[in-house]
PDB file of N, CA and C in Angstrom:
ATOM      1  N   MET A   1     102.689-102.590  -8.825  1.00  0.00           N
ATOM      2  CA  MET A   1     102.213-103.699  -8.073  1.00  0.00           C
ATOM      3  C   MET A   1     102.901-103.982  -6.383  1.00  0.00           C
ATOM      4  N   SER A   2     101.893-104.726  -5.781  1.00  0.00           N
ATOM      5  CA  SER A   2     102.651-104.882  -4.437  1.00  0.00           C
ATOM      6  C   SER A   2     102.807-106.319  -4.370  1.00  0.00           C
ATOM      7  N   ILE A   3     103.020-106.559  -2.967  1.00  0.00           N
ATOM      8  CA  ILE A   3     103.618-107.816  -2.532  1.00  0.00           C
ATOM      9  C   ILE A   3     102.298-108.807  -2.657  1.00  0.00           C
ATOM     10  N   ILE A   4     102.459-109.787  -2.827  1.00  0.00           N
ATOM     11  CA  ILE A   4     101.438-110.915  -2.878  1.00  0.00           C
ATOM     12  C   ILE A   4     101.906-111.783  -1.659  1.00  0.00           C
ATOM     13  N   ASN A   5     100.791-112.045  -0.853  1.00  0.00           N
ATOM     14  CA  ASN A   5     100.659-112.901   0.380  1.00  0.00           C
ATOM     15  C   ASN A   5     100.057-114.171  -0.136  1.00  0.00           C
ATOM     16  N   THR A   6     100.810-115.306  -0.536  1.00  0.00           N
ATOM     17  CA  THR A   6     100.246-116.617  -1.304  1.00  0.00           C
ATOM     18  C   THR A   6     100.175-117.459   0.019  1.00  0.00           C
ATOM     19  N   THR A   7      99.649-118.545  -0.476  1.00  0.00           N
ATOM     20  CA  THR A   7      99.150-119.610   0.565  1.00  0.00           C
ATOM     21  C   THR A   7      99.416-121.043  -0.163  1.00  0.00           C
ATOM     22  N   ASP A   8      99.297-122.253   0.643  1.00  0.00           N
ATOM     23  CA  ASP A   8      99.665-123.426  -0.076  1.00  0.00           C
ATOM     24  C   ASP A   8      98.754-123.513  -0.940  1.00  0.00           C
ATOM     25  N   ALA A   9      97.619-122.809  -0.940  1.00  0.00           N
ATOM     26  CA  ALA A   9      96.434-123.365  -1.885  1.00  0.00           C
ATOM     27  C   ALA A   9      96.613-122.579  -3.588  1.00  0.00           C
ATOM     28  N   ASN A  10      97.401-121.462  -3.355  1.00  0.00           N
ATOM     29  CA  ASN A  10      97.573-120.432  -4.389  1.00  0.00           C
ATOM     30  C   ASN A  10      98.974-120.466  -4.859  1.00  0.00           C
ATOM     31  N   PHE A  11      99.867-120.989  -4.269  1.00  0.00           N
ATOM     32  CA  PHE A  11     101.222-120.878  -4.448  1.00  0.00           C
ATOM     33  C   PHE A  11     101.667-121.200  -6.001  1.00  0.00           C
ATOM     34  N   GLU A  12     100.952-122.320  -6.547  1.00  0.00           N
ATOM     35  CA  GLU A  12     101.219-122.867  -8.043  1.00  0.00           C
ATOM     36  C   GLU A  12     100.838-121.517  -8.995  1.00  0.00           C
ATOM     37  N   ALA A  13      99.502-120.903  -8.441  1.00  0.00           N
ATOM     38  CA  ALA A  13      99.414-120.046  -9.705  1.00  0.00           C
ATOM     39  C   ALA A  13     100.057-118.781  -9.234  1.00  0.00           C
ATOM     40  N   ASP A  14     100.386-118.126  -8.077  1.00  0.00           N
ATOM     41  CA  ASP A  14     100.922-116.865  -7.685  1.00  0.00           C
ATOM     42  C   ASP A  14     102.459-117.074  -8.183  1.00  0.00           C
ATOM     43  N   VAL A  15     102.983-118.450  -7.935  1.00  0.00           N
ATOM     44  CA  VAL A  15     104.688-118.475  -8.288  1.00  0.00           C
ATOM     45  C   VAL A  15     105.009-119.332  -9.521  1.00  0.00           C
ATOM     46  N   LEU A  16     104.579-120.461  -9.606  1.00  0.00           N
ATOM     47  CA  LEU A  16     105.074-121.482 -10.693  1.00  0.00           C
ATOM     48  C   LEU A  16     104.514-121.067 -11.915  1.00  0.00           C
ATOM     49  N   LYS A  17     103.337-120.443 -11.903  1.00  0.00           N
ATOM     50  CA  LYS A  17     102.616-120.095 -13.294  1.00  0.00           C
ATOM     51  C   LYS A  17     102.589-118.409 -13.588  1.00  0.00           C
ATOM     52  N   SER A  18     103.504-117.905 -13.036  1.00  0.00           N
ATOM     53  CA  SER A  18     103.826-116.417 -13.140  1.00  0.00           C
ATOM     54  C   SER A  18     104.532-116.176 -14.275  1.00  0.00           C
ATOM     55  N   ASP A  19     104.067-115.107 -15.380  1.00  0.00           N
ATOM     56  CA  ASP A  19     104.793-114.941 -16.241  1.00  0.00           C
ATOM     57  C   ASP A  19     106.119-113.949 -16.075  1.00  0.00           C
ATOM     58  N   LYS A  20     106.401-113.624 -14.955  1.00  0.00           N
ATOM     59  CA  LYS A  20     107.383-112.642 -14.533  1.00  0.00           C
ATOM     60  C   LYS A  20     108.290-113.647 -13.508  1.00  0.00           C
ATOM     61  N   VAL A  21     109.385-112.944 -13.368  1.00  0.00           N
ATOM     62  CA  VAL A  21     110.460-113.542 -12.429  1.00  0.00           C
ATOM     63  C   VAL A  21     109.731-113.375 -10.758  1.00  0.00           C
ATOM     64  N   VAL A  22     109.793-114.458 -10.107  1.00  0.00           N
ATOM     65  CA  VAL A  22     109.151-114.274  -8.927  1.00  0.00           C
ATOM     66  C   VAL A  22     110.203-114.476  -7.590  1.00  0.00           C
ATOM     67  N   LEU A  23     110.246-113.639  -6.695  1.00  0.00           N
ATOM     68  CA  LEU A  23     111.067-113.567  -5.406  1.00  0.00           C
ATOM     69  C   LEU A  23     109.889-114.039  -4.531  1.00  0.00           C
ATOM     70  N   VAL A  24     110.393-114.973  -3.929  1.00  0.00           N
ATOM     71  CA  VAL A  24     109.426-115.645  -2.837  1.00  0.00           C
ATOM     72  C   VAL A  24     110.325-115.405  -1.480  1.00  0.00           C
ATOM     73  N   ASP A  25     109.623-114.562  -0.518  1.00  0.00           N
ATOM     74  CA  ASP A  25     110.247-114.634   0.710  1.00  0.00           C
ATOM     75  C   ASP A  25     109.366-115.635   1.732  1.00  0.00           C
ATOM     76  N   PHE A  26     110.266-116.685   2.170  1.00  0.00           N
ATOM     77  CA  PHE A  26     109.505-117.602   3.284  1.00  0.00           C
ATOM     78  C   PHE A  26     109.948-116.766   4.739  1.00  0.00           C
ATOM     79  N   TRP A  27     108.896-116.505   5.466  1.00  0.00           N
ATOM     80  CA  TRP A  27     109.161-115.604   6.673  1.00  0.00           C
ATOM     81  C   TRP A  27     108.055-115.735   7.599  1.00  0.00           C
ATOM     82  N   ALA A  28     108.324-115.506   8.779  1.00  0.00           N
ATOM     83  CA  ALA A  28     107.245-115.830   9.987  1.00  0.00           C
ATOM     84  C   ALA A  28     107.158-114.468  10.966  1.00  0.00           C
ATOM     85  N   ALA A  29     106.180-113.898  11.331  1.00  0.00           N
ATOM     86  CA  ALA A  29     105.841-113.055  12.234  1.00  0.00           C
ATOM     87  C   ALA A  29     106.639-112.920  13.512  1.00  0.00           C
ATOM     88  N   TRP A  30     107.275-113.914  13.906  1.00  0.00           N
ATOM     89  CA  TRP A  30     107.896-113.705  15.253  1.00  0.00           C
ATOM     90  C   TRP A  30     109.609-113.592  14.692  1.00  0.00           C
ATOM     91  N   CYS A  31     109.813-113.648  13.417  1.00  0.00           N
ATOM     92  CA  CYS A  31     111.302-113.586  12.910  1.00  0.00           C
ATOM     93  C   CYS A  31     111.804-112.207  12.869  1.00  0.00           C
ATOM     94  N   GLY A  32     112.890-111.933  13.636  1.00  0.00           N
ATOM     95  CA  GLY A  32     113.323-110.628  13.564  1.00  0.00           C
ATOM     96  C   GLY A  32     114.061-110.249  12.395  1.00  0.00           C
ATOM     97  N   PRO A  33     114.874-110.820  11.615  1.00  0.00           N
ATOM     98  CA  PRO A  33     115.373-110.565  10.355  1.00  0.00           C
ATOM     99  C   PRO A  33     114.213-110.447   9.219  1.00  0.00           C
ATOM    100  N   CYS A  34     113.204-111.390   9.229  1.00  0.00           N
ATOM    101  CA  CYS A  34     112.163-110.941   8.628  1.00  0.00           C
ATOM    102  C   CYS A  34     111.607-109.883   8.495  1.00  0.00           C
ATOM    103  N   LYS A  35     111.420-109.372   9.542  1.00  0.00           N
ATOM    104  CA  LYS A  35     110.805-108.023   9.587  1.00  0.00           C
ATOM    105  C   LYS A  35     111.707-107.022   9.379  1.00  0.00           C
ATOM    106  N   ALA A  36     113.040-107.193   9.529  1.00  0.00           N
ATOM    107  CA  ALA A  36     114.080-106.160   9.076  1.00  0.00           C
ATOM    108  C   ALA A  36     113.849-106.031   7.455  1.00  0.00           C
ATOM    109  N   ILE A  37     113.853-107.164   6.634  1.00  0.00           N
ATOM    110  CA  ILE A  37     113.894-106.856   5.198  1.00  0.00           C
ATOM    111  C   ILE A  37     112.491-106.534   4.720  1.00  0.00           C
ATOM    112  N   ALA A  38     111.296-106.549   5.266  1.00  0.00           N
ATOM    113  CA  ALA A  38     110.173-106.476   4.873  1.00  0.00           C
ATOM    114  C   ALA A  38     110.034-104.878   4.079  1.00  0.00           C
ATOM    115  N   PRO A  39     110.594-103.686   4.674  1.00  0.00           N
ATOM    116  CA  PRO A  39     110.599-102.494   4.117  1.00  0.00           C
ATOM    117  C   PRO A  39     111.326-102.610   2.561  1.00  0.00           C
ATOM    118  N   THR A  40     112.461-103.439   2.873  1.00  0.00           N
ATOM    119  CA  THR A  40     113.250-103.371   1.516  1.00  0.00           C
ATOM    120  C   THR A  40     112.459-104.393   0.187  1.00  0.00           C
ATOM    121  N   LEU A  41     111.929-105.487   0.813  1.00  0.00           N
ATOM    122  CA  LEU A  41     110.763-106.046  -0.209  1.00  0.00           C
ATOM    123  C   LEU A  41     109.885-104.969  -0.724  1.00  0.00           C
ATOM    124  N   GLU A  42     109.238-104.290   0.055  1.00  0.00           N
ATOM    125  CA  GLU A  42     108.488-103.543  -0.570  1.00  0.00           C
ATOM    126  C   GLU A  42     108.658-102.432  -1.445  1.00  0.00           C
ATOM    127  N   GLU A  43     110.041-101.762  -1.242  1.00  0.00           N
ATOM    128  CA  GLU A  43     110.682-100.983  -2.146  1.00  0.00           C
ATOM    129  C   GLU A  43     110.869-101.785  -3.484  1.00  0.00           C
ATOM    130  N   LEU A  44     111.315-102.862  -3.196  1.00  0.00           N
ATOM    131  CA  LEU A  44     111.620-103.862  -4.695  1.00  0.00           C
ATOM    132  C   LEU A  44     110.329-104.103  -5.236  1.00  0.00           C
ATOM    133  N   ALA A  45     109.437-104.573  -4.708  1.00  0.00           N
ATOM    134  CA  ALA A  45     108.223-104.541  -5.377  1.00  0.00           C
ATOM    135  C   ALA A  45     107.510-103.701  -6.059  1.00  0.00           C
ATOM    136  N   GLY A  46     107.966-102.174  -5.724  1.00  0.00           N
ATOM    137  CA  GLY A  46     107.503-101.055  -6.432  1.00  0.00           C
ATOM    138  C   GLY A  46     108.306-100.840  -7.414  1.00  0.00           C
ATOM    139  N   GLU A  47     109.684-100.998  -7.334  1.00  0.00           N
ATOM    140  CA  GLU A  47     110.606-100.731  -8.240  1.00  0.00           C
ATOM    141  C   GLU A  47     110.818-101.708  -9.217  1.00  0.00           C
ATOM    142  N   TYR A  48     110.518-103.101  -9.134  1.00  0.00           N
ATOM    143  CA  TYR A  48     110.336-103.895 -10.217  1.00  0.00           C
ATOM    144  C   TYR A  48     109.049-104.274 -10.441  1.00  0.00           C
ATOM    145  N   ALA A  49     108.131-103.544 -10.556  1.00  0.00           N
ATOM    146  CA  ALA A  49     106.682-104.033 -10.746  1.00  0.00           C
ATOM    147  C   ALA A  49     106.425-104.369 -11.955  1.00  0.00           C
ATOM    148  N   ASP A  50     107.106-104.013 -13.098  1.00  0.00           N
ATOM    149  CA  ASP A  50     106.994-104.286 -14.352  1.00  0.00           C
ATOM    150  C   ASP A  50     107.731-105.433 -14.905  1.00  0.00           C
ATOM    151  N   ARG A  51     108.746-105.764 -14.294  1.00  0.00           N
ATOM    152  CA  ARG A  51     109.586-107.061 -14.334  1.00  0.00           C
ATOM    153  C   ARG A  51     109.576-107.866 -13.504  1.00  0.00           C
ATOM    154  N   ALA A  52     109.450-108.129 -12.197  1.00  0.00           N
ATOM    155  CA  ALA A  52     109.203-109.223 -11.379  1.00  0.00           C
ATOM    156  C   ALA A  52     107.963-109.004 -10.370  1.00  0.00           C
ATOM    157  N   GLN A  53     107.675-110.181  -9.839  1.00  0.00           N
ATOM    158  CA  GLN A  53     106.927-110.181  -8.727  1.00  0.00           C
ATOM    159  C   GLN A  53     107.625-110.552  -7.200  1.00  0.00           C
ATOM    160  N   ILE A  54     107.233-109.897  -6.122  1.00  0.00           N
ATOM    161  CA  ILE A  54     107.594-110.363  -4.807  1.00  0.00           C
ATOM    162  C   ILE A  54     106.297-110.995  -4.026  1.00  0.00           C
ATOM    163  N   VAL A  55     106.550-112.175  -3.805  1.00  0.00           N
ATOM    164  CA  VAL A  55     105.659-113.176  -3.223  1.00  0.00           C
ATOM    165  C   VAL A  55     106.318-113.480  -1.467  1.00  0.00           C
ATOM    166  N   LYS A  56     105.254-113.354  -0.560  1.00  0.00           N
ATOM    167  CA  LYS A  56     105.772-113.753   0.731  1.00  0.00           C
ATOM    168  C   LYS A  56     105.006-115.061   0.962  1.00  0.00           C
ATOM    169  N   VAL A  57     105.586-115.967   1.566  1.00  0.00           N
ATOM    170  CA  VAL A  57     104.770-117.389   2.107  1.00  0.00           C
ATOM    171  C   VAL A  57     105.205-117.352   3.854  1.00  0.00           C
ATOM    172  N   ASN A  58     104.275-117.332   4.515  1.00  0.00           N
ATOM    173  CA  ASN A  58     104.001-117.074   6.008  1.00  0.00           C
ATOM    174  C   ASN A  58     104.371-118.727   6.432  1.00  0.00           C
ATOM    175  N   VAL A  59     105.655-119.172   6.898  1.00  0.00           N
ATOM    176  CA  VAL A  59     105.908-120.648   6.892  1.00  0.00           C
ATOM    177  C   VAL A  59     105.034-121.279   7.944  1.00  0.00           C
ATOM    178  N   ASP A  60     104.467-120.574   9.053  1.00  0.00           N
ATOM    179  CA  ASP A  60     103.670-121.012  10.048  1.00  0.00           C
ATOM    180  C   ASP A  60     102.106-121.067   9.769  1.00  0.00           C
ATOM    181  N   GLU A  61     101.902-120.592   8.483  1.00  0.00           N
ATOM    182  CA  GLU A  61     100.429-120.643   8.094  1.00  0.00           C
ATOM    183  C   GLU A  61     100.393-121.649   6.533  1.00  0.00           C
ATOM    184  N   ASN A  62     101.527-121.832   6.189  1.00  0.00           N
ATOM    185  CA  ASN A  62     101.567-122.865   5.003  1.00  0.00           C
ATOM    186  C   ASN A  62     102.572-123.592   4.842  1.00  0.00           C
ATOM    187  N   PRO A  63     102.365-125.186   5.764  1.00  0.00           N
ATOM    188  CA  PRO A  63     103.334-125.920   5.998  1.00  0.00           C
ATOM    189  C   PRO A  63     103.429-127.153   4.730  1.00  0.00           C
ATOM    190  N   GLU A  64     102.625-126.974   3.932  1.00  0.00           N
ATOM    191  CA  GLU A  64     102.928-127.802   2.669  1.00  0.00           C
ATOM    192  C   GLU A  64     103.608-127.042   1.976  1.00  0.00           C
ATOM    193  N   VAL A  65     103.838-125.891   1.384  1.00  0.00           N
ATOM    194  CA  VAL A  65     104.744-125.156   0.739  1.00  0.00           C
ATOM    195  C   VAL A  65     106.182-125.235   1.263  1.00  0.00           C
ATOM    196  N   THR A  66     106.081-125.089   2.561  1.00  0.00           N
ATOM    197  CA  THR A  66     107.328-124.884   3.296  1.00  0.00           C
ATOM    198  C   THR A  66     108.198-126.135   3.535  1.00  0.00           C
ATOM    199  N   ALA A  67     107.406-127.428   3.682  1.00  0.00           N
ATOM    200  CA  ALA A  67     107.937-128.624   3.656  1.00  0.00           C
ATOM    201  C   ALA A  67     108.237-128.936   2.327  1.00  0.00           C
ATOM    202  N   ARG A  68     107.521-128.288   1.355  1.00  0.00           N
ATOM    203  CA  ARG A  68     108.123-128.849  -0.353  1.00  0.00           C
ATOM    204  C   ARG A  68     109.192-128.672  -0.657  1.00  0.00           C
ATOM    205  N   PHE A  69     109.638-127.249   0.098  1.00  0.00           N
ATOM    206  CA  PHE A  69     111.001-126.635  -0.544  1.00  0.00           C
ATOM    207  C   PHE A  69     111.899-126.668   0.607  1.00  0.00           C
ATOM    208  N   GLY A  70     111.811-127.560   1.886  1.00  0.00           N
ATOM    209  CA  GLY A  70     112.634-127.865   2.742  1.00  0.00           C
ATOM    210  C   GLY A  70     113.082-126.696   3.583  1.00  0.00           C
ATOM    211  N   ILE A  71     112.456-125.653   3.793  1.00  0.00           N
ATOM    212  CA  ILE A  71     113.086-124.553   4.523  1.00  0.00           C
ATOM    213  C   ILE A  71     113.040-124.646   5.948  1.00  0.00           C
ATOM    214  N   ARG A  72     114.396-124.504   6.127  1.00  0.00           N
ATOM    215  CA  ARG A  72     114.817-125.019   7.540  1.00  0.00           C
ATOM    216  C   ARG A  72     115.098-123.657   8.316  1.00  0.00           C
ATOM    217  N   SER A  73     115.643-122.519   7.744  1.00  0.00           N
ATOM    218  CA  SER A  73     115.693-121.288   8.160  1.00  0.00           C
ATOM    219  C   SER A  73     115.022-120.171   7.495  1.00  0.00           C
ATOM    220  N   ILE A  74     114.724-118.862   8.267  1.00  0.00           N
ATOM    221  CA  ILE A  74     114.106-117.866   7.686  1.00  0.00           C
ATOM    222  C   ILE A  74     114.891-116.696   7.988  1.00  0.00           C
ATOM    223  N   PRO A  75     114.745-115.504   7.156  1.00  0.00           N
ATOM    224  CA  PRO A  75     114.187-115.552   6.246  1.00  0.00           C
ATOM    225  C   PRO A  75     115.158-116.286   4.689  1.00  0.00           C
ATOM    226  N   THR A  76     114.168-117.105   4.059  1.00  0.00           N
ATOM    227  CA  THR A  76     115.054-117.956   2.947  1.00  0.00           C
ATOM    228  C   THR A  76     114.201-117.142   2.035  1.00  0.00           C
ATOM    229  N   LEU A  77     114.675-116.972   0.722  1.00  0.00           N
ATOM    230  CA  LEU A  77     114.467-116.482  -0.466  1.00  0.00           C
ATOM    231  C   LEU A  77     114.611-117.096  -1.556  1.00  0.00           C
ATOM    232  N   PHE A  78     113.726-117.219  -2.465  1.00  0.00           N
ATOM    233  CA  PHE A  78     113.912-118.060  -3.699  1.00  0.00           C
ATOM    234  C   PHE A  78     113.561-117.247  -5.063  1.00  0.00           C
ATOM    235  N   VAL A  79     114.239-117.572  -5.899  1.00  0.00           N
ATOM    236  CA  VAL A  79     113.957-116.932  -7.241  1.00  0.00           C
ATOM    237  C   VAL A  79     113.367-117.997  -8.194  1.00  0.00           C
ATOM    238  N   PHE A  80     112.345-117.805  -8.661  1.00  0.00           N
ATOM    239  CA  PHE A  80     111.753-118.703  -9.488  1.00  0.00           C
ATOM    240  C   PHE A  80     111.358-118.029 -11.121  1.00  0.00           C
ATOM    241  N   LYS A  81     111.779-118.870 -12.194  1.00  0.00           N
ATOM    242  CA  LYS A  81     111.547-118.071 -13.434  1.00  0.00           C
ATOM    243  C   LYS A  81     111.094-119.263 -14.458  1.00  0.00           C
ATOM    244  N   GLY A  82     109.760-119.082 -14.932  1.00  0.00           N
ATOM    245  CA  GLY A  82     109.159-120.351 -15.501  1.00  0.00           C
ATOM    246  C   GLY A  82     108.706-121.275 -14.832  1.00  0.00           C
ATOM    247  N   GLY A  83     108.522-121.104 -13.652  1.00  0.00           N
ATOM    248  CA  GLY A  83     107.994-122.228 -12.716  1.00  0.00           C
ATOM    249  C   GLY A  83     109.159-122.890 -11.951  1.00  0.00           C
ATOM    250  N   GLU A  84     110.620-122.584 -12.667  1.00  0.00           N
ATOM    251  CA  GLU A  84     111.641-123.186 -11.875  1.00  0.00           C
ATOM    252  C   GLU A  84     112.048-122.590 -10.620  1.00  0.00           C
ATOM    253  N   LYS A  85     112.550-123.212  -9.832  1.00  0.00           N
ATOM    254  CA  LYS A  85     113.482-122.254  -8.511  1.00  0.00           C
ATOM    255  C   LYS A  85     114.921-122.151  -9.259  1.00  0.00           C
ATOM    256  N   VAL A  86     115.520-121.202  -9.653  1.00  0.00           N
ATOM    257  CA  VAL A  86     116.452-120.822 -10.348  1.00  0.00           C
ATOM    258  C   VAL A  86     117.770-120.215  -9.407  1.00  0.00           C
ATOM    259  N   ASP A  87     117.066-119.743  -8.096  1.00  0.00           N
ATOM    260  CA  ASP A  87     118.451-119.078  -7.329  1.00  0.00           C
ATOM    261  C   ASP A  87     117.769-119.252  -5.636  1.00  0.00           C
ATOM    262  N   THR A  88     118.795-119.100  -4.914  1.00  0.00           N
ATOM    263  CA  THR A  88     118.389-118.913  -3.416  1.00  0.00           C
ATOM    264  C   THR A  88     119.077-118.196  -2.539  1.00  0.00           C
ATOM    265  N   ALA A  89     118.647-117.484  -1.623  1.00  0.00           N
ATOM    266  CA  ALA A  89     119.526-116.709  -0.416  1.00  0.00           C
ATOM    267  C   ALA A  89     119.046-116.996   0.655  1.00  0.00           C
ATOM    268  N   VAL A  90     119.647-116.613   1.925  1.00  0.00           N
ATOM    269  CA  VAL A  90     119.240-117.056   3.208  1.00  0.00           C
ATOM    270  C   VAL A  90     119.771-115.919   4.172  1.00  0.00           C
ATOM    271  N   GLY A  91     118.875-115.327   4.878  1.00  0.00           N
ATOM    272  CA  GLY A  91     119.112-114.425   5.757  1.00  0.00           C
ATOM    273  C   GLY A  91     118.690-112.818   5.250  1.00  0.00           C
ATOM    274  N   ALA A  92     118.880-111.702   6.100  1.00  0.00           N
ATOM    275  CA  ALA A  92     118.265-110.588   5.710  1.00  0.00           C
ATOM    276  C   ALA A  92     119.407-109.733   5.163  1.00  0.00           C
ATOM    277  N   LEU A  93     119.366-109.808   3.611  1.00  0.00           N
ATOM    278  CA  LEU A  93     120.343-109.346   2.859  1.00  0.00           C
ATOM    279  C   LEU A  93     120.091-107.951   2.580  1.00  0.00           C
ATOM    280  N   PRO A  94     121.081-107.060   2.450  1.00  0.00           N
ATOM    281  CA  PRO A  94     120.821-105.842   1.933  1.00  0.00           C
ATOM    282  C   PRO A  94     120.341-105.543   0.733  1.00  0.00           C
ATOM    283  N   LYS A  95     119.617-104.566   0.385  1.00  0.00           N
ATOM    284  CA  LYS A  95     118.933-104.066  -0.968  1.00  0.00           C
ATOM    285  C   LYS A  95     119.671-104.411  -2.237  1.00  0.00           C
ATOM    286  N   THR A  96     120.785-103.983  -2.281  1.00  0.00           N
ATOM    287  CA  THR A  96     121.879-104.093  -3.187  1.00  0.00           C
ATOM    288  C   THR A  96     121.777-105.615  -3.604  1.00  0.00           C
ATOM    289  N   GLU A  97     121.745-106.416  -2.571  1.00  0.00           N
ATOM    290  CA  GLU A  97     122.200-107.924  -2.856  1.00  0.00           C
ATOM    291  C   GLU A  97     120.847-108.644  -3.511  1.00  0.00           C
ATOM    292  N   LEU A  98     119.634-108.153  -2.907  1.00  0.00           N
ATOM    293  CA  LEU A  98     118.381-108.451  -3.378  1.00  0.00           C
ATOM    294  C   LEU A  98     118.181-108.192  -4.658  1.00  0.00           C
ATOM    295  N   ALA A  99     118.280-106.773  -5.025  1.00  0.00           N
ATOM    296  CA  ALA A  99     118.022-106.350  -6.209  1.00  0.00           C
ATOM    297  C   ALA A  99     119.249-107.127  -7.410  1.00  0.00           C
ATOM    298  N   ALA A 100     120.188-107.310  -6.991  1.00  0.00           N
ATOM    299  CA  ALA A 100     121.157-108.115  -7.938  1.00  0.00           C
ATOM    300  C   ALA A 100     120.751-109.515  -8.244  1.00  0.00           C
ATOM    301  N   LEU A 101     120.176-110.047  -7.158  1.00  0.00           N
ATOM    302  CA  LEU A 101     119.574-111.505  -7.285  1.00  0.00           C
ATOM    303  C   LEU A 101     118.680-111.418  -8.301  1.00  0.00           C
ATOM    304  N   LEU A 102     117.652-110.384  -8.365  1.00  0.00           N
ATOM    305  CA  LEU A 102     116.361-110.360  -9.262  1.00  0.00           C
ATOM    306  C   LEU A 102     117.210-110.072 -10.719  1.00  0.00           C
ATOM    307  N   ASP A 103     117.919-109.329 -10.696  1.00  0.00           N
ATOM    308  CA  ASP A 103     118.649-108.633 -12.035  1.00  0.00           C
ATOM    309  C   ASP A 103     119.167-109.725 -12.737  1.00  0.00           C
ATOM    310  N   LYS A 104     119.742-110.646 -11.986  1.00  0.00           N
ATOM    311  CA  LYS A 104     120.710-112.006 -12.366  1.00  0.00           C
ATOM    312  C   LYS A 104     119.649-112.620 -13.324  1.00  0.00           C
ATOM    313  N   HIS A 105     118.383-112.720 -12.886  1.00  0.00           N
ATOM    314  CA  HIS A 105     117.531-113.641 -13.918  1.00  0.00           C
ATOM    315  C   HIS A 105     116.257-112.627 -14.604  1.00  0.00           C
ATOM    316  N   ILE A 106     116.473-111.500 -14.816  1.00  0.00           N
ATOM    317  CA  ILE A 106     115.335-110.693 -15.568  1.00  0.00           C
ATOM    318  C   ILE A 106     115.736-110.697 -17.025  1.00  0.00           C
TER     319      ILE A 106
END
């Protein structure tokens, strides 16, 4: 399963109503650290395809979701489980830390 690029309109269906653990990456095209972790997120999407979903939210194109969750710096990563935010990480974390973030909630 690949990464889903969600929008203000689809966030509820893609994230809050997912039956899997969801890692949401709030990012922007101009953000260097966001670009740096993109390949890692692609790898994780493949490795965790049967257990988790990776979803990206472009903060410039989706102001409603960005404001709703009070995103102030990017990349900000949230973990959702059963429609609830259960974890947060900020910054370009190494793959091991991102994997551990997912593993904690699967």
